[in-house]
């Protein structure tokens, strides 16, 4: 039974970097949605 080891050769650092970048993008989007938009509304309405 021969095992082809090339199927386990994955770009680990690229995957880890893409995962971290995805989380950072998600964090940035959530920050804008949860803090930026309400602050902008209050700022333009003259409350803040």
N, C-alpha and C. Protein backbone atom coordinates (compact mmCIF):
# COMPACT_ATOMS: atom_id res chain seq x y z
N UNK A 1 0.85 -1.18 0.00
CA UNK A 1 0.00 0.00 0.00
C UNK A 1 0.89 1.25 0.00
N UNK A 2 0.89 1.95 -1.09
CA UNK A 2 1.70 3.16 -1.22
C UNK A 2 0.86 4.39 -0.90
N UNK A 3 1.43 5.27 -0.10
CA UNK A 3 0.74 6.51 0.29
C UNK A 3 1.40 7.67 -0.44
N UNK A 4 0.60 8.45 -1.14
CA UNK A 4 1.11 9.62 -1.84
C UNK A 4 1.17 10.79 -0.85
N UNK A 5 2.38 11.12 -0.41
CA UNK A 5 2.54 12.17 0.60
C UNK A 5 2.32 13.57 0.04
N UNK A 6 2.26 13.72 -1.27
CA UNK A 6 2.06 15.06 -1.83
C UNK A 6 0.66 15.59 -1.55
N UNK A 7 -0.28 14.71 -1.23
CA UNK A 7 -1.62 15.19 -0.90
C UNK A 7 -1.67 15.90 0.44
N UNK A 8 -0.64 15.72 1.27
CA UNK A 8 -0.58 16.40 2.57
C UNK A 8 0.25 17.68 2.50
N UNK A 9 0.74 18.04 1.33
CA UNK A 9 1.58 19.23 1.15
C UNK A 9 0.69 20.43 0.89
N UNK A 10 0.30 21.12 1.97
CA UNK A 10 -0.60 22.26 1.88
C UNK A 10 0.15 23.54 2.23
N UNK A 11 -0.26 24.66 1.66
CA UNK A 11 0.37 25.94 2.00
C UNK A 11 -0.13 26.44 3.36
N UNK A 12 0.47 25.97 4.41
CA UNK A 12 0.00 26.23 5.76
C UNK A 12 0.03 27.71 6.10
N UNK A 13 1.14 28.39 5.79
CA UNK A 13 1.25 29.80 6.15
C UNK A 13 0.27 30.66 5.36
N UNK A 14 0.02 30.30 4.11
CA UNK A 14 -0.97 31.04 3.32
C UNK A 14 -2.35 30.87 3.92
N UNK A 15 -2.68 29.67 4.35
CA UNK A 15 -3.98 29.41 4.97
C UNK A 15 -4.11 30.17 6.28
N UNK A 16 -3.08 30.14 7.10
CA UNK A 16 -3.12 30.87 8.38
C UNK A 16 -3.23 32.37 8.15
N UNK A 17 -2.50 32.89 7.18
CA UNK A 17 -2.56 34.32 6.87
C UNK A 17 -3.92 34.73 6.33
N UNK A 18 -4.49 33.90 5.47
CA UNK A 18 -5.81 34.19 4.93
C UNK A 18 -6.88 34.14 6.02
N UNK A 19 -6.74 33.22 6.95
CA UNK A 19 -7.68 33.13 8.07
C UNK A 19 -7.58 34.39 8.94
N UNK A 20 -6.36 34.80 9.26
CA UNK A 20 -6.18 36.00 10.06
C UNK A 20 -6.70 37.23 9.33
N UNK A 21 -6.44 37.33 8.04
CA UNK A 21 -6.93 38.47 7.26
C UNK A 21 -8.46 38.48 7.22
N UNK A 22 -9.06 37.31 7.09
CA UNK A 22 -10.51 37.23 7.09
C UNK A 22 -11.11 37.68 8.40
N UNK A 23 -10.49 37.28 9.50
CA UNK A 23 -10.98 37.71 10.81
C UNK A 23 -10.80 39.22 10.99
N UNK A 24 -9.69 39.77 10.49
CA UNK A 24 -9.48 41.21 10.61
C UNK A 24 -10.49 41.99 9.77
N UNK A 25 -10.80 41.50 8.59
CA UNK A 25 -11.80 42.16 7.76
C UNK A 25 -13.17 42.09 8.44
N UNK A 26 -13.50 40.92 8.98
CA UNK A 26 -14.77 40.78 9.69
C UNK A 26 -14.82 41.70 10.90
N UNK A 27 -13.74 41.79 11.64
CA UNK A 27 -13.68 42.68 12.80
C UNK A 27 -13.85 44.13 12.38
N UNK A 28 -13.23 44.53 11.28
CA UNK A 28 -13.35 45.90 10.80
C UNK A 28 -14.78 46.20 10.37
N UNK A 29 -15.41 45.27 9.67
CA UNK A 29 -16.79 45.47 9.23
C UNK A 29 -17.73 45.56 10.43
N UNK A 30 -17.56 44.68 11.40
CA UNK A 30 -18.42 44.71 12.58
C UNK A 30 -18.21 46.00 13.39
N UNK A 31 -16.96 46.49 13.45
CA UNK A 31 -16.69 47.73 14.17
C UNK A 31 -17.40 48.90 13.51
N UNK A 32 -17.33 48.94 12.18
CA UNK A 32 -18.02 50.03 11.47
C UNK A 32 -19.52 49.92 11.66
N UNK A 33 -20.06 48.71 11.57
CA UNK A 33 -21.51 48.55 11.71
C UNK A 33 -21.99 48.88 13.12
N UNK A 34 -21.24 48.45 14.12
CA UNK A 34 -21.70 48.60 15.50
C UNK A 34 -21.35 49.94 16.13
N UNK A 35 -20.28 50.59 15.66
CA UNK A 35 -19.84 51.84 16.27
C UNK A 35 -19.83 53.00 15.30
N UNK A 36 -19.36 52.78 14.09
CA UNK A 36 -19.22 53.87 13.13
C UNK A 36 -20.54 54.43 12.66
N UNK A 37 -21.45 53.58 12.27
CA UNK A 37 -22.75 54.05 11.77
C UNK A 37 -23.56 54.75 12.86
N UNK A 38 -23.70 54.19 14.06
CA UNK A 38 -24.42 54.94 15.10
C UNK A 38 -23.76 56.27 15.46
N UNK A 39 -22.42 56.29 15.53
CA UNK A 39 -21.74 57.55 15.83
C UNK A 39 -22.00 58.56 14.73
N UNK A 40 -21.95 58.13 13.47
CA UNK A 40 -22.22 59.03 12.36
C UNK A 40 -23.63 59.58 12.39
N UNK A 41 -24.60 58.73 12.72
CA UNK A 41 -25.99 59.19 12.82
C UNK A 41 -26.15 60.22 13.93
N UNK A 42 -25.59 59.92 15.10
CA UNK A 42 -25.70 60.87 16.21
C UNK A 42 -24.94 62.16 15.91
N UNK A 43 -23.81 62.05 15.22
CA UNK A 43 -23.02 63.24 14.90
C UNK A 43 -23.80 64.15 13.95
N UNK A 44 -24.39 63.56 12.91
CA UNK A 44 -25.10 64.38 11.94
C UNK A 44 -26.45 64.88 12.47
N UNK A 45 -27.00 64.20 13.46
CA UNK A 45 -28.24 64.66 14.08
C UNK A 45 -27.98 65.70 15.17
N UNK A 46 -26.73 65.91 15.50
CA UNK A 46 -26.38 66.92 16.49
C UNK A 46 -26.49 66.46 17.93
N UNK A 47 -26.58 65.16 18.16
CA UNK A 47 -26.71 64.65 19.53
C UNK A 47 -25.35 64.54 20.19
N UNK A 48 -24.36 64.12 19.43
CA UNK A 48 -23.02 63.91 20.01
C UNK A 48 -22.20 65.17 19.96
